[in-house]
Amino acid sequence: MTALPSPHRRRQRRRNALIFFAFAGPNLVLIATFIYYPLFSNLYYSTLNWRMGSSKASYAGFDNYVRLFTSAQGAEMWRVTITFTVVTVAASMLLGLLVALALNHKIPGVTAGRTAIFSPYVLSGVGVGMVWNFIFDPQLGLLGHVLRAFGGRSPEWYLDGDLALVMVMIVYVWKNLGYCAVVFLAGLQSIPSDLLEAAKIDRAGTLRRFFKVTLPLLSPTVFFLTVTTILSSMQAFDLLKIMTPSGNGTNTIVFELYLQGFGPYQNAGYSAAISVVLFVALFAITAFQLRFVEKRVHYA
């Protein structure tokens, strides 16, 4: 027979439980109140036809989800979201790696260069969007003046949906390039120099050393940046809202969520359905990367 715990041990367990709930309880209450309650409430709202602020709502079942995946508007939203995410993630990481390689040398002014590269990342997205609006303005913008000086003219960035998407992608990559560069730089500086020296002694060229030594040892950094930049790009909002307020061609899933719930459409039920799908998509992408992509990461 299994011996029963002694009274002293039971008192010790109760004391440990009380200490745990005394310290963790307030945090658990806050998490339940501000994360899980809104999450499950949003699931309920996604099954309604409801206008934001209205006291009346009708049950819609899965109609909002069906509309999201079958309508032309929903298809366009997914196209823009995938295009924006793939381009900005790939460009930010590739350019960030090239910049990190350039900054990973002891040359005069390298500290100032690192600061200049990273500075846009910490700037307000609203401020960045307003400055770049001035640059891209076809009539008054700096880019238009430069193009006209060479006999050209500025494209209508704000009227053409595809050009508007290209415009916001350029600005988004410029703003987040410094983040990728700094993280890559930290990864490069953590690589043992003796491995690179050994490869050089073995007469491995620059490209061979990069692809056979440096890049494999950077795989944890690449994995980390892939996860964080995908999540960040799929949730981009401030630049898109400032540069293209009506979403002309730049309706990513987060921007469409805002326009439906708080913009001209005032369809809170459909907006809630979009947010549920966004949550599931972000969770699935992260889980897939942690389950399958991380297997290719070399931590040693």
Foldseek 3Di string as FASTA:
>chain_A
DDDDDDPVVVVVVVVVVVVCCVVCVVVVVVCCVPPVVVLVVLVVLLQWFDFPPDPDIHGRGCVLVCCLPPPPVNVLQVVLLVVLLVLLLVLLQVLLLVVLVVLLDPDPPSVVVLCVQQVLQPDDLLVLLVLVLQQLVQPRHPVQVVQVVVVHGHDPQQPALVSVSVSLSVSSSSSNSSVSNVLSNVQQVPFDVVVVVVCVVVVDDPVRCCVVPVVLSCQVSVLVSSLVSSLCSLQDDNSCCNNHVVCRNNNHLNNVLCCCCPNDNSRPNSSSSSVSVVVVVSVVVVVCCVVPVCVSHDND
